[in-house]
C-alpha atoms as a PDB file:
ATOM      1  CA  UNK A   1    -116.660-177.964 -49.710  1.00  0.00           C
ATOM      2  CA  UNK A   2    -117.322-176.036 -46.497  1.00  0.00           C
ATOM      3  CA  UNK A   3    -117.418-172.225 -46.470  1.00  0.00           C
ATOM      4  CA  UNK A   4    -118.353-171.852 -42.819  1.00  0.00           C
ATOM      5  CA  UNK A   5    -121.478-169.674 -42.924  1.00  0.00           C
ATOM      6  CA  UNK A   6    -122.701-169.378 -39.350  1.00  0.00           C
ATOM      7  CA  UNK A   7    -126.439-168.922 -39.860  1.00  0.00           C
ATOM      8  CA  UNK A   8    -129.356-169.807 -37.596  1.00  0.00           C
ATOM      9  CA  UNK A   9    -131.729-172.674 -38.325  1.00  0.00           C
ATOM     10  CA  UNK A  10    -134.584-170.908 -40.188  1.00  0.00           C
ATOM     11  CA  UNK A  11    -137.179-173.017 -38.309  1.00  0.00           C
ATOM     12  CA  UNK A  12    -135.972-172.371 -34.766  1.00  0.00           C
ATOM     13  CA  UNK A  13    -133.849-169.218 -35.029  1.00  0.00           C
ATOM     14  CA  UNK A  14    -131.096-170.977 -33.066  1.00  0.00           C
ATOM     15  CA  UNK A  15    -127.515-171.312 -34.181  1.00  0.00           C
ATOM     16  CA  UNK A  16    -124.556-173.147 -32.776  1.00  0.00           C
ATOM     17  CA  UNK A  17    -121.707-171.503 -30.925  1.00  0.00           C
ATOM     18  CA  UNK A  18    -118.634-170.505 -32.905  1.00  0.00           C
ATOM     19  CA  UNK A  19    -116.689-173.173 -31.036  1.00  0.00           C
ATOM     20  CA  UNK A  20    -119.189-175.897 -31.970  1.00  0.00           C
ATOM     21  CA  UNK A  21    -119.321-174.703 -35.570  1.00  0.00           C
ATOM     22  CA  UNK A  22    -115.563-175.057 -35.990  1.00  0.00           C
ATOM     23  CA  UNK A  23    -115.574-178.439 -34.273  1.00  0.00           C
ATOM     24  CA  UNK A  24    -118.312-179.603 -36.650  1.00  0.00           C
ATOM     25  CA  UNK A  25    -116.183-178.630 -39.649  1.00  0.00           C
ATOM     26  CA  UNK A  26    -113.416-180.914 -38.403  1.00  0.00           C
ATOM     27  CA  UNK A  27    -115.893-183.697 -37.604  1.00  0.00           C
ATOM     28  CA  UNK A  28    -117.466-183.440 -41.076  1.00  0.00           C
ATOM     29  CA  UNK A  29    -114.047-183.876 -42.660  1.00  0.00           C
ATOM     30  CA  UNK A  30    -113.437-187.010 -40.578  1.00  0.00           C
ATOM     31  CA  UNK A  31    -116.854-188.330 -41.657  1.00  0.00           C
ATOM     32  CA  UNK A  32    -116.033-187.558 -45.297  1.00  0.00           C
ATOM     33  CA  UNK A  33    -112.908-189.698 -45.172  1.00  0.00           C
ATOM     34  CA  UNK A  34    -114.720-192.612 -43.530  1.00  0.00           C
ATOM     35  CA  UNK A  35    -117.528-192.342 -46.088  1.00  0.00           C
ATOM     36  CA  UNK A  36    -115.159-192.630 -49.033  1.00  0.00           C
ATOM     37  CA  UNK A  37    -114.942-189.032 -50.214  1.00  0.00           C
ATOM     38  CA  UNK A  38    -111.568-187.964 -51.604  1.00  0.00           C
ATOM     39  CA  UNK A  39    -111.075-184.449 -50.271  1.00  0.00           C
ATOM     40  CA  UNK A  40    -112.357-181.566 -48.162  1.00  0.00           C
ATOM     41  CA  UNK A  41    -112.071-177.918 -49.253  1.00  0.00           C
ATOM     42  CA  UNK A  42    -112.396-175.013 -46.806  1.00  0.00           C
ATOM     43  CA  UNK A  43    -113.349-171.450 -47.659  1.00  0.00           C
ATOM     44  CA  UNK A  44    -111.836-168.215 -46.388  1.00  0.00           C
ATOM     45  CA  UNK A  45    -113.821-165.077 -45.572  1.00  0.00           C
ATOM     46  CA  UNK A  46    -113.378-162.136 -43.233  1.00  0.00           C
ATOM     47  CA  UNK A  47    -115.527-159.575 -41.378  1.00  0.00           C
ATOM     48  CA  UNK A  48    -118.851-161.414 -41.782  1.00  0.00           C
ATOM     49  CA  UNK A  49    -120.864-164.480 -40.721  1.00  0.00           C
ATOM     50  CA  UNK A  50    -118.697-166.700 -42.850  1.00  0.00           C
ATOM     51  CA  UNK A  51    -116.623-167.345 -39.736  1.00  0.00           C
ATOM     52  CA  UNK A  52    -114.112-169.713 -41.327  1.00  0.00           C
ATOM     53  CA  UNK A  53    -111.293-167.164 -41.614  1.00  0.00           C
ATOM     54  CA  UNK A  54    -108.193-169.283 -40.844  1.00  0.00           C
ATOM     55  CA  UNK A  55    -108.294-172.316 -43.157  1.00  0.00           C
ATOM     56  CA  UNK A  56    -104.661-173.399 -42.631  1.00  0.00           C
ATOM     57  CA  UNK A  57    -105.325-173.745 -38.902  1.00  0.00           C
ATOM     58  CA  UNK A  58    -108.456-175.827 -39.428  1.00  0.00           C
ATOM     59  CA  UNK A  59    -106.819-177.917 -42.154  1.00  0.00           C
ATOM     60  CA  UNK A  60    -103.982-178.729 -39.773  1.00  0.00           C
ATOM     61  CA  UNK A  61    -106.541-179.911 -37.211  1.00  0.00           C
ATOM     62  CA  UNK A  62    -108.200-182.087 -39.869  1.00  0.00           C
ATOM     63  CA  UNK A  63    -104.828-183.469 -40.916  1.00  0.00           C
ATOM     64  CA  UNK A  64    -104.259-184.814 -37.424  1.00  0.00           C
ATOM     65  CA  UNK A  65    -107.515-186.800 -37.484  1.00  0.00           C
ATOM     66  CA  UNK A  66    -107.351-188.170 -41.037  1.00  0.00           C
ATOM     67  CA  UNK A  67    -104.933-190.261 -43.060  1.00  0.00           C
ATOM     68  CA  UNK A  68    -105.701-190.042 -46.791  1.00  0.00           C
ATOM     69  CA  UNK A  69    -108.120-187.107 -47.278  1.00  0.00           C
ATOM     70  CA  UNK A  70    -106.810-184.393 -49.596  1.00  0.00           C
ATOM     71  CA  UNK A  71    -106.930-180.979 -47.894  1.00  0.00           C
ATOM     72  CA  UNK A  72    -107.954-178.081 -50.117  1.00  0.00           C
ATOM     73  CA  UNK A  73    -108.930-174.426 -49.923  1.00  0.00           C
ATOM     74  CA  UNK A  74    -111.984-172.880 -51.588  1.00  0.00           C
ATOM     75  CA  UNK A  75    -110.589-170.301 -51.987  1.00  0.00           C
ATOM     76  CA  UNK A  76    -107.451-168.788 -50.483  1.00  0.00           C
ATOM     77  CA  UNK A  77    -107.868-165.001 -50.849  1.00  0.00           C
ATOM     78  CA  UNK A  78    -104.325-164.519 -52.061  1.00  0.00           C
ATOM     79  CA  UNK A  79    -104.851-160.939 -53.267  1.00  0.00           C
ATOM     80  CA  UNK A  80    -105.530-159.913 -49.647  1.00  0.00           C
ATOM     81  CA  UNK A  81    -102.709-161.929 -48.064  1.00  0.00           C
ATOM     82  CA  UNK A  82     -98.969-161.552 -47.779  1.00  0.00           C
ATOM     83  CA  UNK A  83     -97.795-164.292 -50.179  1.00  0.00           C
ATOM     84  CA  UNK A  84     -94.723-164.911 -48.020  1.00  0.00           C
ATOM     85  CA  UNK A  85     -96.852-165.759 -45.006  1.00  0.00           C
ATOM     86  CA  UNK A  86     -99.258-167.782 -47.166  1.00  0.00           C
ATOM     87  CA  UNK A  87     -96.321-169.782 -48.518  1.00  0.00           C
ATOM     88  CA  UNK A  88     -95.136-170.513 -44.976  1.00  0.00           C
ATOM     89  CA  UNK A  89     -98.569-171.387 -43.568  1.00  0.00           C
ATOM     90  CA  UNK A  90     -99.632-173.731 -46.344  1.00  0.00           C
ATOM     91  CA  UNK A  91     -96.217-175.374 -46.663  1.00  0.00           C
ATOM     92  CA  UNK A  92     -96.579-176.214 -42.965  1.00  0.00           C
ATOM     93  CA  UNK A  93     -99.998-177.795 -43.607  1.00  0.00           C
ATOM     94  CA  UNK A  94     -98.463-179.849 -46.412  1.00  0.00           C
ATOM     95  CA  UNK A  95     -95.712-181.093 -44.100  1.00  0.00           C
ATOM     96  CA  UNK A  96     -98.040-181.941 -41.216  1.00  0.00           C
ATOM     97  CA  UNK A  97    -100.425-183.795 -43.538  1.00  0.00           C
ATOM     98  CA  UNK A  98     -97.678-185.816 -45.252  1.00  0.00           C
ATOM     99  CA  UNK A  99     -98.230-184.059 -48.562  1.00  0.00           C
ATOM    100  CA  UNK A 100    -102.034-183.800 -48.835  1.00  0.00           C
ATOM    101  CA  UNK A 101    -102.468-180.065 -49.495  1.00  0.00           C
ATOM    102  CA  UNK A 102    -104.249-178.633 -52.548  1.00  0.00           C
ATOM    103  CA  UNK A 103    -104.370-174.837 -52.813  1.00  0.00           C
ATOM    104  CA  UNK A 104    -107.133-173.070 -54.725  1.00  0.00           C
ATOM    105  CA  UNK A 105    -106.645-169.310 -55.009  1.00  0.00           C
ATOM    106  CA  UNK A 106    -109.155-166.641 -55.978  1.00  0.00           C
ATOM    107  CA  UNK A 107    -110.125-162.995 -55.535  1.00  0.00           C
ATOM    108  CA  UNK A 108    -113.338-163.665 -53.588  1.00  0.00           C
ATOM    109  CA  UNK A 109    -116.728-161.951 -53.793  1.00  0.00           C
ATOM    110  CA  UNK A 110    -116.464-159.309 -51.033  1.00  0.00           C
ATOM    111  CA  UNK A 111    -114.556-156.271 -52.349  1.00  0.00           C
ATOM    112  CA  UNK A 112    -114.680-154.360 -49.066  1.00  0.00           C
ATOM    113  CA  UNK A 113    -112.302-156.932 -47.578  1.00  0.00           C
ATOM    114  CA  UNK A 114    -109.521-155.458 -49.711  1.00  0.00           C
ATOM    115  CA  UNK A 115    -109.949-152.030 -48.141  1.00  0.00           C
ATOM    116  CA  UNK A 116    -110.107-153.526 -44.648  1.00  0.00           C
ATOM    117  CA  UNK A 117    -106.787-155.262 -45.328  1.00  0.00           C
ATOM    118  CA  UNK A 118    -105.295-152.023 -46.665  1.00  0.00           C
ATOM    119  CA  UNK A 119    -105.622-152.621 -50.413  1.00  0.00           C
ATOM    120  CA  UNK A 120    -107.639-150.848 -53.100  1.00  0.00           C
ATOM    121  CA  UNK A 121    -110.375-153.086 -54.558  1.00  0.00           C
ATOM    122  CA  UNK A 122    -109.444-151.975 -58.074  1.00  0.00           C
ATOM    123  CA  UNK A 123    -105.969-153.472 -57.534  1.00  0.00           C
ATOM    124  CA  UNK A 124    -107.322-156.928 -56.699  1.00  0.00           C
ATOM    125  CA  UNK A 125    -106.706-158.462 -60.107  1.00  0.00           C
ATOM    126  CA  UNK A 126    -103.107-157.231 -60.274  1.00  0.00           C
ATOM    127  CA  UNK A 127    -102.411-158.332 -56.691  1.00  0.00           C
ATOM    128  CA  UNK A 128    -103.962-161.742 -57.310  1.00  0.00           C
ATOM    129  CA  UNK A 129    -101.698-162.447 -60.266  1.00  0.00           C
ATOM    130  CA  UNK A 130     -98.610-160.916 -58.665  1.00  0.00           C
ATOM    131  CA  UNK A 131     -99.017-162.780 -55.380  1.00  0.00           C
ATOM    132  CA  UNK A 132     -99.722-166.084 -57.109  1.00  0.00           C
ATOM    133  CA  UNK A 133     -96.583-165.864 -59.221  1.00  0.00           C
ATOM    134  CA  UNK A 134     -94.532-164.942 -56.146  1.00  0.00           C
ATOM    135  CA  UNK A 135     -95.997-167.830 -54.130  1.00  0.00           C
ATOM    136  CA  UNK A 136     -94.911-170.297 -56.807  1.00  0.00           C
ATOM    137  CA  UNK A 137     -91.397-168.834 -56.759  1.00  0.00           C
ATOM    138  CA  UNK A 138     -91.215-169.032 -52.969  1.00  0.00           C
ATOM    139  CA  UNK A 139     -92.313-172.677 -53.029  1.00  0.00           C
ATOM    140  CA  UNK A 140     -89.464-173.538 -55.393  1.00  0.00           C
ATOM    141  CA  UNK A 141     -87.056-173.666 -52.443  1.00  0.00           C
ATOM    142  CA  UNK A 142     -84.642-171.317 -54.224  1.00  0.00           C
ATOM    143  CA  UNK A 143     -83.574-167.854 -53.188  1.00  0.00           C
ATOM    144  CA  UNK A 144     -85.961-165.268 -54.595  1.00  0.00           C
ATOM    145  CA  UNK A 145     -85.339-161.726 -55.835  1.00  0.00           C
ATOM    146  CA  UNK A 146     -88.639-159.978 -56.367  1.00  0.00           C
ATOM    147  CA  UNK A 147     -90.249-156.550 -56.518  1.00  0.00           C
ATOM    148  CA  UNK A 148     -93.885-155.628 -57.049  1.00  0.00           C
ATOM    149  CA  UNK A 149     -96.832-153.524 -55.889  1.00  0.00           C
ATOM    150  CA  UNK A 150     -98.217-155.582 -53.053  1.00  0.00           C
ATOM    151  CA  UNK A 151     -95.399-155.874 -50.513  1.00  0.00           C
ATOM    152  CA  UNK A 152     -91.818-154.956 -49.707  1.00  0.00           C
ATOM    153  CA  UNK A 153     -89.135-156.186 -52.162  1.00  0.00           C
ATOM    154  CA  UNK A 154     -87.309-159.454 -51.575  1.00  0.00           C
ATOM    155  CA  UNK A 155     -83.572-159.811 -52.091  1.00  0.00           C
ATOM    156  CA  UNK A 156     -82.078-163.288 -51.897  1.00  0.00           C
ATOM    157  CA  UNK A 157     -84.897-164.560 -49.686  1.00  0.00           C
ATOM    158  CA  UNK A 158     -85.596-168.267 -49.223  1.00  0.00           C
ATOM    159  CA  UNK A 159     -88.786-169.100 -47.376  1.00  0.00           C
ATOM    160  CA  UNK A 160     -88.831-171.980 -44.920  1.00  0.00           C
ATOM    161  CA  UNK A 161     -90.342-174.471 -44.662  1.00  0.00           C
ATOM    162  CA  UNK A 162     -91.039-175.571 -48.214  1.00  0.00           C
ATOM    163  CA  UNK A 163     -93.815-178.041 -49.047  1.00  0.00           C
ATOM    164  CA  UNK A 164     -93.347-181.787 -48.996  1.00  0.00           C
ATOM    165  CA  UNK A 165     -94.914-182.137 -52.462  1.00  0.00           C
ATOM    166  CA  UNK A 166     -92.499-181.190 -55.206  1.00  0.00           C
ATOM    167  CA  UNK A 167     -92.185-179.010 -57.138  1.00  0.00           C
ATOM    168  CA  UNK A 168     -95.158-177.728 -55.124  1.00  0.00           C
ATOM    169  CA  UNK A 169     -98.654-178.861 -54.049  1.00  0.00           C
ATOM    170  CA  UNK A 170    -101.361-178.791 -56.729  1.00  0.00           C
ATOM    171  CA  UNK A 171    -102.515-175.195 -57.264  1.00  0.00           C
ATOM    172  CA  UNK A 172    -105.957-174.384 -58.650  1.00  0.00           C
ATOM    173  CA  UNK A 173    -107.132-171.002 -59.899  1.00  0.00           C
ATOM    174  CA  UNK A 174    -110.710-170.356 -58.867  1.00  0.00           C
ATOM    175  CA  UNK A 175    -112.279-168.470 -61.738  1.00  0.00           C
ATOM    176  CA  UNK A 176    -114.701-168.536 -64.598  1.00  0.00           C
ATOM    177  CA  UNK A 177    -116.546-165.219 -64.482  1.00  0.00           C
ATOM    178  CA  UNK A 178    -113.965-163.705 -66.860  1.00  0.00           C
ATOM    179  CA  UNK A 179    -111.345-164.835 -69.325  1.00  0.00           C
ATOM    180  CA  UNK A 180    -108.568-163.267 -67.252  1.00  0.00           C
ATOM    181  CA  UNK A 181    -108.535-166.017 -64.610  1.00  0.00           C
ATOM    182  CA  UNK A 182    -108.880-168.681 -67.290  1.00  0.00           C
ATOM    183  CA  UNK A 183    -105.850-167.348 -69.143  1.00  0.00           C
ATOM    184  CA  UNK A 184    -103.827-166.991 -65.934  1.00  0.00           C
ATOM    185  CA  UNK A 185    -104.364-170.643 -65.007  1.00  0.00           C
ATOM    186  CA  UNK A 186    -103.484-171.779 -68.519  1.00  0.00           C
ATOM    187  CA  UNK A 187    -100.367-169.592 -68.793  1.00  0.00           C
ATOM    188  CA  UNK A 188     -98.969-170.791 -65.470  1.00  0.00           C
ATOM    189  CA  UNK A 189     -99.889-174.431 -66.079  1.00  0.00           C
ATOM    190  CA  UNK A 190    -102.237-174.534 -63.086  1.00  0.00           C
ATOM    191  CA  UNK A 191    -105.569-176.271 -62.526  1.00  0.00           C
ATOM    192  CA  UNK A 192    -108.951-174.576 -63.010  1.00  0.00           C
ATOM    193  CA  UNK A 193    -111.805-174.557 -60.474  1.00  0.00           C
ATOM    194  CA  UNK A 194    -115.101-173.154 -61.744  1.00  0.00           C
ATOM    195  CA  UNK A 195    -117.378-170.982 -59.528  1.00  0.00           C
ATOM    196  CA  UNK A 196    -120.359-173.066 -60.559  1.00  0.00           C
ATOM    197  CA  UNK A 197    -122.521-172.871 -57.423  1.00  0.00           C
ATOM    198  CA  UNK A 198    -124.592-170.001 -58.830  1.00  0.00           C
ATOM    199  CA  UNK A 199    -124.698-170.506 -62.599  1.00  0.00           C
ATOM    200  CA  UNK A 200    -125.825-173.334 -64.851  1.00  0.00           C
ATOM    201  CA  UNK A 201    -122.999-175.679 -65.906  1.00  0.00           C
ATOM    202  CA  UNK A 202    -123.350-174.933 -69.627  1.00  0.00           C
ATOM    203  CA  UNK A 203    -122.386-171.321 -68.855  1.00  0.00           C
ATOM    204  CA  UNK A 204    -118.819-172.461 -68.310  1.00  0.00           C
ATOM    205  CA  UNK A 205    -118.366-174.785 -71.285  1.00  0.00           C
ATOM    206  CA  UNK A 206    -116.803-172.123 -73.589  1.00  0.00           C
ATOM    207  CA  UNK A 207    -114.426-171.063 -70.812  1.00  0.00           C
ATOM    208  CA  UNK A 208    -113.335-174.653 -70.209  1.00  0.00           C
ATOM    209  CA  UNK A 209    -112.621-175.001 -73.931  1.00  0.00           C
ATOM    210  CA  UNK A 210    -110.583-171.800 -73.825  1.00  0.00           C
ATOM    211  CA  UNK A 211    -108.616-173.047 -70.817  1.00  0.00           C
ATOM    212  CA  UNK A 212    -107.743-176.328 -72.503  1.00  0.00           C
ATOM    213  CA  UNK A 213    -106.707-174.593 -75.722  1.00  0.00           C
ATOM    214  CA  UNK A 214    -104.572-171.987 -73.941  1.00  0.00           C
ATOM    215  CA  UNK A 215    -103.028-174.584 -71.630  1.00  0.00           C
ATOM    216  CA  UNK A 216    -101.861-176.649 -74.600  1.00  0.00           C
ATOM    217  CA  UNK A 217    -100.685-173.572 -76.513  1.00  0.00           C
ATOM    218  CA  UNK A 218     -98.512-172.563 -73.533  1.00  0.00           C
ATOM    219  CA  UNK A 219     -96.588-175.818 -73.955  1.00  0.00           C
ATOM    220  CA  UNK A 220     -97.545-177.434 -70.650  1.00  0.00           C
ATOM    221  CA  UNK A 221     -97.791-181.197 -70.262  1.00  0.00           C
ATOM    222  CA  UNK A 222    -101.477-182.085 -70.881  1.00  0.00           C
ATOM    223  CA  UNK A 223    -101.231-184.662 -68.082  1.00  0.00           C
ATOM    224  CA  UNK A 224    -101.219-181.789 -65.574  1.00  0.00           C
ATOM    225  CA  UNK A 225    -104.416-180.180 -66.823  1.00  0.00           C
ATOM    226  CA  UNK A 226    -107.403-180.462 -64.457  1.00  0.00           C
ATOM    227  CA  UNK A 227    -110.876-178.894 -64.331  1.00  0.00           C
ATOM    228  CA  UNK A 228    -113.098-178.852 -61.247  1.00  0.00           C
ATOM    229  CA  UNK A 229    -116.549-177.512 -60.405  1.00  0.00           C
ATOM    230  CA  UNK A 230    -118.630-177.052 -57.262  1.00  0.00           C
ATOM    231  CA  UNK A 231    -122.339-177.283 -56.440  1.00  0.00           C
ATOM    232  CA  UNK A 232    -124.724-176.968 -53.549  1.00  0.00           C
ATOM    233  CA  UNK A 233    -125.993-180.522 -53.007  1.00  0.00           C
ATOM    234  CA  UNK A 234    -128.742-182.090 -50.918  1.00  0.00           C
ATOM    235  CA  UNK A 235    -129.885-185.726 -50.923  1.00  0.00           C
ATOM    236  CA  UNK A 236    -133.123-187.081 -49.482  1.00  0.00           C
ATOM    237  CA  UNK A 237    -134.848-190.442 -49.517  1.00  0.00           C
ATOM    238  CA  UNK A 238    -136.814-189.255 -52.540  1.00  0.00           C
ATOM    239  CA  UNK A 239    -136.922-186.092 -54.640  1.00  0.00           C
ATOM    240  CA  UNK A 240    -140.095-184.653 -53.134  1.00  0.00           C
ATOM    241  CA  UNK A 241    -138.818-185.015 -49.574  1.00  0.00           C
ATOM    242  CA  UNK A 242    -135.398-183.612 -50.459  1.00  0.00           C
ATOM    243  CA  UNK A 243    -136.748-180.535 -52.224  1.00  0.00           C
ATOM    244  CA  UNK A 244    -139.316-179.775 -49.546  1.00  0.00           C
ATOM    245  CA  UNK A 245    -136.796-180.159 -46.716  1.00  0.00           C
ATOM    246  CA  UNK A 246    -133.964-178.224 -48.366  1.00  0.00           C
ATOM    247  CA  UNK A 247    -135.878-175.144 -49.541  1.00  0.00           C
ATOM    248  CA  UNK A 248    -135.842-173.064 -46.296  1.00  0.00           C
ATOM    249  CA  UNK A 249    -132.126-173.699 -45.747  1.00  0.00           C
ATOM    250  CA  UNK A 250    -131.011-173.151 -49.325  1.00  0.00           C
ATOM    251  CA  UNK A 251    -133.147-170.080 -49.977  1.00  0.00           C
ATOM    252  CA  UNK A 252    -132.323-168.603 -46.587  1.00  0.00           C
ATOM    253  CA  UNK A 253    -128.642-168.984 -47.356  1.00  0.00           C
ATOM    254  CA  UNK A 254    -128.953-167.445 -50.835  1.00  0.00           C
ATOM    255  CA  UNK A 255    -130.959-164.531 -49.459  1.00  0.00           C
ATOM    256  CA  UNK A 256    -128.241-163.926 -46.894  1.00  0.00           C
ATOM    257  CA  UNK A 257    -125.541-164.031 -49.614  1.00  0.00           C
ATOM    258  CA  UNK A 258    -127.448-161.434 -51.650  1.00  0.00           C
ATOM    259  CA  UNK A 259    -127.565-159.090 -48.653  1.00  0.00           C
ATOM    260  CA  UNK A 260    -123.923-159.821 -47.821  1.00  0.00           C
ATOM    261  CA  UNK A 261    -122.726-158.837 -51.290  1.00  0.00           C
ATOM    262  CA  UNK A 262    -124.686-155.582 -51.066  1.00  0.00           C
ATOM    263  CA  UNK A 263    -123.053-154.834 -47.709  1.00  0.00           C
ATOM    264  CA  UNK A 264    -119.681-155.565 -49.274  1.00  0.00           C
ATOM    265  CA  UNK A 265    -120.213-153.006 -52.014  1.00  0.00           C
ATOM    266  CA  UNK A 266    -121.254-155.159 -54.966  1.00  0.00           C
ATOM    267  CA  UNK A 267    -124.359-156.777 -56.393  1.00  0.00           C
ATOM    268  CA  UNK A 268    -125.217-160.447 -56.482  1.00  0.00           C
ATOM    269  CA  UNK A 269    -124.939-161.501 -60.157  1.00  0.00           C
ATOM    270  CA  UNK A 270    -128.383-161.736 -61.707  1.00  0.00           C
ATOM    271  CA  UNK A 271    -130.281-160.901 -58.516  1.00  0.00           C
ATOM    272  CA  UNK A 272    -132.026-163.384 -56.245  1.00  0.00           C
ATOM    273  CA  UNK A 273    -132.970-166.535 -58.219  1.00  0.00           C
ATOM    274  CA  UNK A 274    -136.070-168.596 -57.545  1.00  0.00           C
ATOM    275  CA  UNK A 275    -135.847-172.031 -55.940  1.00  0.00           C
ATOM    276  CA  UNK A 276    -137.112-173.631 -59.144  1.00  0.00           C
ATOM    277  CA  UNK A 277    -134.462-171.878 -61.236  1.00  0.00           C
ATOM    278  CA  UNK A 278    -131.728-173.010 -58.854  1.00  0.00           C
ATOM    279  CA  UNK A 279    -132.875-176.638 -58.962  1.00  0.00           C
ATOM    280  CA  UNK A 280    -133.024-176.524 -62.757  1.00  0.00           C
ATOM    281  CA  UNK A 281    -129.583-174.943 -62.940  1.00  0.00           C
ATOM    282  CA  UNK A 282    -126.645-175.019 -60.540  1.00  0.00           C
ATOM    283  CA  UNK A 283    -128.160-176.575 -57.396  1.00  0.00           C
ATOM    284  CA  UNK A 284    -128.395-180.367 -57.142  1.00  0.00           C
ATOM    285  CA  UNK A 285    -131.192-181.769 -54.990  1.00  0.00           C
ATOM    286  CA  UNK A 286    -133.209-184.961 -55.039  1.00  0.00           C
ATOM    287  CA  UNK A 287    -133.201-188.641 -54.277  1.00  0.00           C
ATOM    288  CA  UNK A 288    -129.964-190.623 -54.656  1.00  0.00           C
ATOM    289  CA  UNK A 289    -130.579-191.666 -58.265  1.00  0.00           C
ATOM    290  CA  UNK A 290    -131.466-188.131 -59.363  1.00  0.00           C
ATOM    291  CA  UNK A 291    -128.427-186.630 -57.652  1.00  0.00           C
ATOM    292  CA  UNK A 292    -126.122-189.230 -59.217  1.00  0.00           C
ATOM    293  CA  UNK A 293    -127.611-188.514 -62.640  1.00  0.00           C
ATOM    294  CA  UNK A 294    -127.153-184.751 -62.250  1.00  0.00           C
ATOM    295  CA  UNK A 295    -123.531-185.198 -61.194  1.00  0.00           C
ATOM    296  CA  UNK A 296    -122.931-187.438 -64.192  1.00  0.00           C
ATOM    297  CA  UNK A 297    -124.417-184.832 -66.526  1.00  0.00           C
ATOM    298  CA  UNK A 298    -122.190-182.141 -65.039  1.00  0.00           C
ATOM    299  CA  UNK A 299    -119.132-184.310 -65.609  1.00  0.00           C
ATOM    300  CA  UNK A 300    -120.097-184.965 -69.235  1.00  0.00           C
ATOM    301  CA  UNK A 301    -120.781-181.303 -70.048  1.00  0.00           C
ATOM    302  CA  UNK A 302    -117.536-179.974 -68.620  1.00  0.00           C
ATOM    303  CA  UNK A 303    -115.180-182.965 -68.594  1.00  0.00           C
ATOM    304  CA  UNK A 304    -114.602-182.638 -64.876  1.00  0.00           C
ATOM    305  CA  UNK A 305    -111.741-184.193 -62.953  1.00  0.00           C
ATOM    306  CA  UNK A 306    -113.197-183.268 -59.547  1.00  0.00           C
ATOM    307  CA  UNK A 307    -116.525-182.083 -58.188  1.00  0.00           C
ATOM    308  CA  UNK A 308    -116.920-180.279 -54.865  1.00  0.00           C
ATOM    309  CA  UNK A 309    -120.260-180.748 -53.094  1.00  0.00           C
ATOM    310  CA  UNK A 310    -121.368-178.170 -50.531  1.00  0.00           C
ATOM    311  CA  UNK A 311    -123.843-179.812 -48.127  1.00  0.00           C
ATOM    312  CA  UNK A 312    -123.444-177.663 -45.012  1.00  0.00           C
ATOM    313  CA  UNK A 313    -125.023-174.227 -45.374  1.00  0.00           C
ATOM    314  CA  UNK A 314    -128.022-172.192 -44.303  1.00  0.00           C
ATOM    315  CA  UNK A 315    -128.196-173.389 -40.723  1.00  0.00           C
ATOM    316  CA  UNK A 316    -129.158-176.965 -41.588  1.00  0.00           C
ATOM    317  CA  UNK A 317    -129.268-178.960 -38.312  1.00  0.00           C
ATOM    318  CA  UNK A 318    -126.890-181.806 -37.583  1.00  0.00           C
ATOM    319  CA  UNK A 319    -129.470-184.605 -37.939  1.00  0.00           C
ATOM    320  CA  UNK A 320    -130.562-183.558 -41.426  1.00  0.00           C
ATOM    321  CA  UNK A 321    -126.994-182.886 -42.521  1.00  0.00           C
ATOM    322  CA  UNK A 322    -125.866-186.300 -41.318  1.00  0.00           C
ATOM    323  CA  UNK A 323    -128.748-187.978 -43.162  1.00  0.00           C
ATOM    324  CA  UNK A 324    -127.945-186.308 -46.483  1.00  0.00           C
ATOM    325  CA  UNK A 325    -124.242-187.110 -46.102  1.00  0.00           C
ATOM    326  CA  UNK A 326    -125.029-190.737 -45.288  1.00  0.00           C
ATOM    327  CA  UNK A 327    -127.296-191.060 -48.312  1.00  0.00           C
ATOM    328  CA  UNK A 328    -124.684-189.437 -50.530  1.00  0.00           C
ATOM    329  CA  UNK A 329    -121.970-191.784 -49.271  1.00  0.00           C
ATOM    330  CA  UNK A 330    -123.959-195.014 -49.420  1.00  0.00           C
ATOM    331  CA  UNK A 331    -126.302-194.506 -52.384  1.00  0.00           C
ATOM    332  CA  UNK A 332    -124.844-191.787 -54.613  1.00  0.00           C
ATOM    333  CA  UNK A 333    -121.087-192.411 -54.509  1.00  0.00           C
ATOM    334  CA  UNK A 334    -121.372-196.085 -55.555  1.00  0.00           C
ATOM    335  CA  UNK A 335    -123.108-194.956 -58.776  1.00  0.00           C
ATOM    336  CA  UNK A 336    -120.205-192.645 -59.633  1.00  0.00           C
ATOM    337  CA  UNK A 337    -117.392-195.200 -59.614  1.00  0.00           C
END
């Protein structure tokens, strides 16, 4: 998982150019495929130093340099977008990638983005649900008649192109801070992605149970049910080295996120955590064996079908990022087969 924060190295104060940062995102995806990872998931933010604002463009670039890697979003801010244009853009990515798209939708953490896109923040939940349901209709390939709050009505409209994957690419609902998102995913028969980078895994266990119960009660085929989670991850040669090396990057990033949420008009949930609390809870850091064990525990607690690891954040330099990715690929992944 790559969100695209464009922060300086806390040791040197230097940061890459925006051009180099985007190129590195594409290069990291190519590395991920060669290393044996299954997918890459790109974030979407606007008006801040998360400079990854056009994920379908970057995913299309990745598609041209990879063959089997699944191409996901983390998350598509569907409440802020025109669902017609989102349907067109992501259907195009699915076509260009020969059917490798996975779409994860969510409301995001920066409420001021709604106002800057012309929406009221208090309407975000309604727009999220409305736009998601419309997107699924548009991807059906049929003519659509629709009317709602977020955009002009549609009368007999069929959006082109439609995705290669039928009936549509896998769609995940990013949520877990409330029951509303859980119930939406279950009602629509969609997959669930937990926002587990900032809370201990056990926090989400009751919500996962609720999702599975509601999914079955809605009459959907259990074979389509999926649960995913995400974590900040860092691997070193041993635990002491990994924790010592990662601290300035991880804590610098979290401090920046706290300030960013304040700027955006909200408060970071629970305030700024300590490094020790993060390592004991949501953040995974250590030597290869420790990281593999933590990932295994997370899978057992939540019954995960997929886990997204976020390695690249906080201005970590290329050499250290490449080392942790290499260790993850060669010494952690083999333990997870």
